[in-house]
Amino acid sequence: MAKGADGKGRAGAKTSGGKPSRPPGAPTPEERAEVVVTKLERFIREGRSATAGVSFKSWQGMAKAEITAALKAAEGQEARSSRLIDRFVLLGGAALSTIGVWGTALAIGQAPDRVLAAVLSLLAGLALLWIGGALGLRAPFGRFRDERRRAALTRVDDLHRQVRRLEIDLKSRAKKLQAERDAQDEAS
């Protein structure tokens, strides 16, 4: 992760509101934590048996792997976002300098070919408009991705709750059936 002048990584950068900056479309820390907790809970539920639970060492290894994966995903997403912004800035600088050079040559009448200079200035201007549009549309598309992710997480959470309720219901039914079977065995 790139370090700033304060020695913190870019993830430590603060916005004007005092909140850590988060690229558009990135899940919130709470959403990441919920996913990790859900995965750990599933691991514990699937790893236990009727006589014993999951060993602490297994649980600790799984927790470490899940947290590491979540942190790597967050850092990777931040790096991709940073690279994209860097590319936009580089392309914008090149477009501005192209407009400056060829626009000045046209203005003072020193362009070797007026049509070529005008076309190059026009293309650089279009590149600047494209960059502005791409940067301007990142936030709305990021909000759209956030909403889709939240909806998917809500569906997964609801399904998870239903599975837990069914699991509890099945256990109670199994106990009732076992009690009925024991009562029938005693009666016969």
C-alpha atoms as a PDB file:
ATOM      1  CA  MET A   1       0.000   0.000   0.000  1.00  0.00           C
ATOM      2  CA  ALA A   2       1.324   3.448  -0.837  1.00  0.00           C
ATOM      3  CA  LYS A   3       2.321   5.535   2.154  1.00  0.00           C
ATOM      4  CA  GLY A   4       1.590   9.210   2.494  1.00  0.00           C
ATOM      5  CA  ALA A   5       3.596  11.935   4.172  1.00  0.00           C
ATOM      6  CA  ASP A   6       2.012  11.068   7.512  1.00  0.00           C
ATOM      7  CA  GLY A   7       3.265   7.467   7.266  1.00  0.00           C
ATOM      8  CA  LYS A   8      -0.243   6.067   6.940  1.00  0.00           C
ATOM      9  CA  GLY A   9      -1.456   4.080   3.960  1.00  0.00           C
ATOM     10  CA  ARG A  10      -4.055   5.526   1.660  1.00  0.00           C
ATOM     11  CA  ALA A  11      -6.701   3.646   3.612  1.00  0.00           C
ATOM     12  CA  GLY A  12      -5.878   5.939   6.534  1.00  0.00           C
ATOM     13  CA  ALA A  13      -6.662   9.024   4.481  1.00  0.00           C
ATOM     14  CA  LYS A  14      -9.565  11.047   5.771  1.00  0.00           C
ATOM     15  CA  THR A  15     -12.127  13.027   3.866  1.00  0.00           C
ATOM     16  CA  SER A  16     -13.306  16.444   4.953  1.00  0.00           C
ATOM     17  CA  GLY A  17     -16.073  14.838   7.036  1.00  0.00           C
ATOM     18  CA  GLY A  18     -13.532  12.902   9.126  1.00  0.00           C
ATOM     19  CA  LYS A  19     -14.628   9.540   7.720  1.00  0.00           C
ATOM     20  CA  PRO A  20     -12.130   7.296   5.923  1.00  0.00           C
ATOM     21  CA  SER A  21     -12.360   7.659   2.163  1.00  0.00           C
ATOM     22  CA  ARG A  22     -14.017   4.722   0.427  1.00  0.00           C
ATOM     23  CA  PRO A  23     -14.058   4.180  -3.325  1.00  0.00           C
ATOM     24  CA  PRO A  24     -17.496   4.066  -4.952  1.00  0.00           C
ATOM     25  CA  GLY A  25     -18.934   0.574  -4.932  1.00  0.00           C
ATOM     26  CA  ALA A  26     -16.687  -0.654  -2.123  1.00  0.00           C
ATOM     27  CA  PRO A  27     -18.436  -2.499   0.695  1.00  0.00           C
ATOM     28  CA  THR A  28     -18.486  -0.815   4.073  1.00  0.00           C
ATOM     29  CA  PRO A  29     -16.386  -2.256   6.901  1.00  0.00           C
ATOM     30  CA  GLU A  30     -19.618  -3.389   8.559  1.00  0.00           C
ATOM     31  CA  GLU A  31     -20.629  -5.308   5.423  1.00  0.00           C
ATOM     32  CA  ARG A  32     -17.199  -6.957   5.226  1.00  0.00           C
ATOM     33  CA  ALA A  33     -17.375  -7.891   8.908  1.00  0.00           C
ATOM     34  CA  GLU A  34     -20.857  -9.378   8.451  1.00  0.00           C
ATOM     35  CA  VAL A  35     -19.622 -11.545   5.576  1.00  0.00           C
ATOM     36  CA  VAL A  36     -16.632 -12.780   7.611  1.00  0.00           C
ATOM     37  CA  VAL A  37     -18.810 -13.546  10.654  1.00  0.00           C
ATOM     38  CA  THR A  38     -21.313 -15.418   8.479  1.00  0.00           C
ATOM     39  CA  LYS A  39     -18.549 -17.517   6.920  1.00  0.00           C
ATOM     40  CA  LEU A  40     -17.100 -18.305  10.343  1.00  0.00           C
ATOM     41  CA  GLU A  41     -20.517 -19.239  11.689  1.00  0.00           C
ATOM     42  CA  ARG A  42     -21.074 -21.569   8.737  1.00  0.00           C
ATOM     43  CA  PHE A  43     -17.641 -23.123   9.308  1.00  0.00           C
ATOM     44  CA  ILE A  44     -18.427 -23.739  12.980  1.00  0.00           C
ATOM     45  CA  ARG A  45     -21.885 -25.177  12.224  1.00  0.00           C
ATOM     46  CA  GLU A  46     -20.588 -27.520   9.522  1.00  0.00           C
ATOM     47  CA  GLY A  47     -17.510 -28.586  11.514  1.00  0.00           C
ATOM     48  CA  ARG A  48     -19.214 -29.659  14.703  1.00  0.00           C
ATOM     49  CA  SER A  49     -20.534 -33.094  15.449  1.00  0.00           C
ATOM     50  CA  ALA A  50     -23.034 -34.428  17.984  1.00  0.00           C
ATOM     51  CA  THR A  51     -20.265 -35.156  20.507  1.00  0.00           C
ATOM     52  CA  ALA A  52     -17.776 -32.325  19.960  1.00  0.00           C
ATOM     53  CA  GLY A  53     -17.486 -28.843  18.558  1.00  0.00           C
ATOM     54  CA  VAL A  54     -14.848 -27.276  16.349  1.00  0.00           C
ATOM     55  CA  SER A  55     -11.398 -27.176  17.862  1.00  0.00           C
ATOM     56  CA  PHE A  56     -10.061 -23.744  18.738  1.00  0.00           C
ATOM     57  CA  LYS A  57      -7.036 -24.235  16.481  1.00  0.00           C
ATOM     58  CA  SER A  58      -9.279 -25.005  13.476  1.00  0.00           C
ATOM     59  CA  TRP A  59     -11.514 -22.048  14.244  1.00  0.00           C
ATOM     60  CA  GLN A  60      -8.501 -19.764  14.696  1.00  0.00           C
ATOM     61  CA  GLY A  61      -7.028 -20.863  11.350  1.00  0.00           C
ATOM     62  CA  MET A  62     -10.326 -20.320   9.574  1.00  0.00           C
ATOM     63  CA  ALA A  63     -10.792 -16.897  11.185  1.00  0.00           C
ATOM     64  CA  LYS A  64      -7.285 -15.858  10.182  1.00  0.00           C
ATOM     65  CA  ALA A  65      -7.823 -17.025   6.597  1.00  0.00           C
ATOM     66  CA  GLU A  66     -11.173 -15.218   6.282  1.00  0.00           C
ATOM     67  CA  ILE A  67      -9.901 -11.955   7.771  1.00  0.00           C
ATOM     68  CA  THR A  68      -6.788 -12.097   5.571  1.00  0.00           C
ATOM     69  CA  ALA A  69      -8.926 -12.678   2.471  1.00  0.00           C
ATOM     70  CA  ALA A  70     -11.218  -9.753   3.380  1.00  0.00           C
ATOM     71  CA  LEU A  71      -8.255  -7.421   3.940  1.00  0.00           C
ATOM     72  CA  LYS A  72      -6.580  -8.499   0.687  1.00  0.00           C
ATOM     73  CA  ALA A  73      -9.818  -7.901  -1.215  1.00  0.00           C
ATOM     74  CA  ALA A  74     -10.130  -4.420   0.310  1.00  0.00           C
ATOM     75  CA  GLU A  75      -6.524  -3.547  -0.504  1.00  0.00           C
ATOM     76  CA  GLY A  76      -6.876  -4.900  -4.045  1.00  0.00           C
ATOM     77  CA  GLN A  77     -10.006  -2.876  -4.659  1.00  0.00           C
ATOM     78  CA  GLU A  78      -8.318   0.246  -3.303  1.00  0.00           C
ATOM     79  CA  ALA A  79      -5.277  -0.352  -5.516  1.00  0.00           C
ATOM     80  CA  ARG A  80      -7.467  -0.788  -8.622  1.00  0.00           C
ATOM     81  CA  SER A  81      -9.345   2.407  -7.845  1.00  0.00           C
ATOM     82  CA  SER A  82      -6.086   4.270  -7.261  1.00  0.00           C
ATOM     83  CA  ARG A  83      -4.625   3.011 -10.560  1.00  0.00           C
ATOM     84  CA  LEU A  84      -7.751   4.105 -12.414  1.00  0.00           C
ATOM     85  CA  ILE A  85      -7.576   7.621 -10.953  1.00  0.00           C
ATOM     86  CA  ASP A  86      -3.851   7.797 -11.739  1.00  0.00           C
ATOM     87  CA  ARG A  87      -4.520   6.817 -15.354  1.00  0.00           C
ATOM     88  CA  PHE A  88      -7.264   9.425 -15.669  1.00  0.00           C
ATOM     89  CA  VAL A  89      -4.963  12.119 -14.291  1.00  0.00           C
ATOM     90  CA  LEU A  90      -2.147  11.106 -16.650  1.00  0.00           C
ATOM     91  CA  LEU A  91      -4.466  11.029 -19.658  1.00  0.00           C
ATOM     92  CA  GLY A  92      -5.989  14.381 -18.638  1.00  0.00           C
ATOM     93  CA  GLY A  93      -2.537  15.949 -18.350  1.00  0.00           C
ATOM     94  CA  ALA A  94      -1.580  14.652 -21.784  1.00  0.00           C
ATOM     95  CA  ALA A  95      -4.825  15.994 -23.268  1.00  0.00           C
ATOM     96  CA  LEU A  96      -4.324  19.409 -21.656  1.00  0.00           C
ATOM     97  CA  SER A  97      -0.744  19.666 -22.885  1.00  0.00           C
ATOM     98  CA  THR A  98      -1.833  18.616 -26.396  1.00  0.00           C
ATOM     99  CA  ILE A  99      -4.502  21.306 -26.406  1.00  0.00           C
ATOM    100  CA  GLY A 100      -1.984  23.819 -25.074  1.00  0.00           C
ATOM    101  CA  VAL A 101       0.702  23.086 -27.672  1.00  0.00           C
ATOM    102  CA  TRP A 102      -1.509  22.786 -30.755  1.00  0.00           C
ATOM    103  CA  GLY A 103      -3.935  25.490 -29.638  1.00  0.00           C
ATOM    104  CA  THR A 104      -1.061  27.910 -29.151  1.00  0.00           C
ATOM    105  CA  ALA A 105       0.421  26.948 -32.526  1.00  0.00           C
ATOM    106  CA  LEU A 106      -2.952  27.627 -34.145  1.00  0.00           C
ATOM    107  CA  ALA A 107      -3.425  30.893 -32.262  1.00  0.00           C
ATOM    108  CA  ILE A 108      -0.103  32.364 -33.333  1.00  0.00           C
ATOM    109  CA  GLY A 109      -0.361  30.946 -36.842  1.00  0.00           C
ATOM    110  CA  GLN A 110       2.695  28.686 -36.557  1.00  0.00           C
ATOM    111  CA  ALA A 111       0.963  25.293 -36.993  1.00  0.00           C
ATOM    112  CA  PRO A 112       2.555  23.306 -39.842  1.00  0.00           C
ATOM    113  CA  ASP A 113      -0.879  22.029 -40.839  1.00  0.00           C
ATOM    114  CA  ARG A 114      -3.913  23.902 -39.540  1.00  0.00           C
ATOM    115  CA  VAL A 115      -6.320  20.978 -40.069  1.00  0.00           C
ATOM    116  CA  LEU A 116      -4.030  18.534 -38.222  1.00  0.00           C
ATOM    117  CA  ALA A 117      -3.631  20.967 -35.329  1.00  0.00           C
ATOM    118  CA  ALA A 118      -7.389  21.513 -35.125  1.00  0.00           C
ATOM    119  CA  VAL A 119      -8.117  17.749 -35.230  1.00  0.00           C
ATOM    120  CA  LEU A 120      -5.524  17.029 -32.514  1.00  0.00           C
ATOM    121  CA  SER A 121      -6.939  19.794 -30.304  1.00  0.00           C
ATOM    122  CA  LEU A 122     -10.468  18.488 -30.875  1.00  0.00           C
ATOM    123  CA  LEU A 123      -9.459  14.899 -30.001  1.00  0.00           C
ATOM    124  CA  ALA A 124      -7.698  16.065 -26.840  1.00  0.00           C
ATOM    125  CA  GLY A 125     -10.794  18.060 -25.879  1.00  0.00           C
ATOM    126  CA  LEU A 126     -12.977  15.003 -26.428  1.00  0.00           C
ATOM    127  CA  ALA A 127     -10.594  12.961 -24.251  1.00  0.00           C
ATOM    128  CA  LEU A 128     -10.991  15.546 -21.470  1.00  0.00           C
ATOM    129  CA  LEU A 129     -14.782  15.398 -21.789  1.00  0.00           C
ATOM    130  CA  TRP A 130     -14.658  11.589 -21.648  1.00  0.00           C
ATOM    131  CA  ILE A 131     -12.483  11.694 -18.504  1.00  0.00           C
ATOM    132  CA  GLY A 132     -14.831  14.181 -16.856  1.00  0.00           C
ATOM    133  CA  GLY A 133     -17.833  12.036 -17.744  1.00  0.00           C
ATOM    134  CA  ALA A 134     -16.183   8.837 -16.535  1.00  0.00           C
ATOM    135  CA  LEU A 135     -15.205  10.410 -13.231  1.00  0.00           C
ATOM    136  CA  GLY A 136     -18.618  12.021 -12.856  1.00  0.00           C
ATOM    137  CA  LEU A 137     -20.451   8.741 -13.465  1.00  0.00           C
ATOM    138  CA  ARG A 138     -18.360   6.717 -11.014  1.00  0.00           C
ATOM    139  CA  ALA A 139     -20.349   7.872  -7.990  1.00  0.00           C
ATOM    140  CA  PRO A 140     -23.840   7.066  -9.366  1.00  0.00           C
ATOM    141  CA  PHE A 141     -22.677   3.668 -10.658  1.00  0.00           C
ATOM    142  CA  GLY A 142     -20.961   3.053  -7.321  1.00  0.00           C
ATOM    143  CA  ARG A 143     -24.204   3.774  -5.477  1.00  0.00           C
ATOM    144  CA  PHE A 144     -26.035   1.414  -7.834  1.00  0.00           C
ATOM    145  CA  ARG A 145     -23.472  -1.348  -7.094  1.00  0.00           C
ATOM    146  CA  ASP A 146     -23.785  -0.624  -3.372  1.00  0.00           C
ATOM    147  CA  GLU A 147     -27.557  -0.996  -3.523  1.00  0.00           C
ATOM    148  CA  ARG A 148     -27.304  -4.272  -5.457  1.00  0.00           C
ATOM    149  CA  ARG A 149     -24.746  -5.598  -2.968  1.00  0.00           C
ATOM    150  CA  ARG A 150     -26.911  -4.587  -0.011  1.00  0.00           C
ATOM    151  CA  ALA A 151     -29.924  -6.278  -1.590  1.00  0.00           C
ATOM    152  CA  ALA A 152     -27.905  -9.458  -2.173  1.00  0.00           C
ATOM    153  CA  LEU A 153     -26.560  -9.412   1.388  1.00  0.00           C
ATOM    154  CA  THR A 154     -30.078  -8.909   2.715  1.00  0.00           C
ATOM    155  CA  ARG A 155     -31.328 -11.885   0.684  1.00  0.00           C
ATOM    156  CA  VAL A 156     -28.434 -14.021   1.951  1.00  0.00           C
ATOM    157  CA  ASP A 157     -29.081 -12.913   5.530  1.00  0.00           C
ATOM    158  CA  ASP A 158     -32.800 -13.719   5.226  1.00  0.00           C
ATOM    159  CA  LEU A 159     -32.004 -17.121   3.773  1.00  0.00           C
ATOM    160  CA  HIS A 160     -29.498 -17.717   6.561  1.00  0.00           C
ATOM    161  CA  ARG A 161     -32.151 -16.882   9.181  1.00  0.00           C
ATOM    162  CA  GLN A 162     -34.621 -19.235   7.494  1.00  0.00           C
ATOM    163  CA  VAL A 163     -32.062 -22.048   7.508  1.00  0.00           C
ATOM    164  CA  ARG A 164     -31.373 -21.468  11.226  1.00  0.00           C
ATOM    165  CA  ARG A 165     -35.122 -21.516  11.981  1.00  0.00           C
ATOM    166  CA  LEU A 166     -35.544 -24.725   9.972  1.00  0.00           C
ATOM    167  CA  GLU A 167     -32.583 -26.266  11.753  1.00  0.00           C
ATOM    168  CA  ILE A 168     -34.122 -25.479  15.157  1.00  0.00           C
ATOM    169  CA  ASP A 169     -37.513 -26.739  13.982  1.00  0.00           C
ATOM    170  CA  LEU A 170     -36.017 -29.990  12.694  1.00  0.00           C
ATOM    171  CA  LYS A 171     -34.181 -30.571  15.970  1.00  0.00           C
ATOM    172  CA  SER A 172     -37.381 -30.062  17.963  1.00  0.00           C
ATOM    173  CA  ARG A 173     -39.278 -32.416  15.632  1.00  0.00           C
ATOM    174  CA  ALA A 174     -36.526 -35.012  15.958  1.00  0.00           C
ATOM    175  CA  LYS A 175     -36.746 -34.788  19.754  1.00  0.00           C
ATOM    176  CA  LYS A 176     -40.541 -35.179  19.646  1.00  0.00           C
ATOM    177  CA  LEU A 177     -40.319 -38.176  17.320  1.00  0.00           C
ATOM    178  CA  GLN A 178     -37.625 -39.730  19.490  1.00  0.00           C
ATOM    179  CA  ALA A 179     -39.818 -39.239  22.572  1.00  0.00           C
ATOM    180  CA  GLU A 180     -42.801 -40.796  20.764  1.00  0.00           C
ATOM    181  CA  ARG A 181     -40.671 -43.739  19.635  1.00  0.00           C
ATOM    182  CA  ASP A 182     -39.345 -44.237  23.163  1.00  0.00           C
ATOM    183  CA  ALA A 183     -42.923 -44.132  24.501  1.00  0.00           C
ATOM    184  CA  GLN A 184     -44.012 -46.727  21.936  1.00  0.00           C
ATOM    185  CA  ASP A 185     -41.039 -48.957  22.776  1.00  0.00           C
ATOM    186  CA  GLU A 186     -41.907 -48.815  26.482  1.00  0.00           C
ATOM    187  CA  ALA A 187     -45.558 -49.583  25.743  1.00  0.00           C
ATOM    188  CA  SER A 188     -44.756 -52.694  23.754  1.00  0.00           C
END
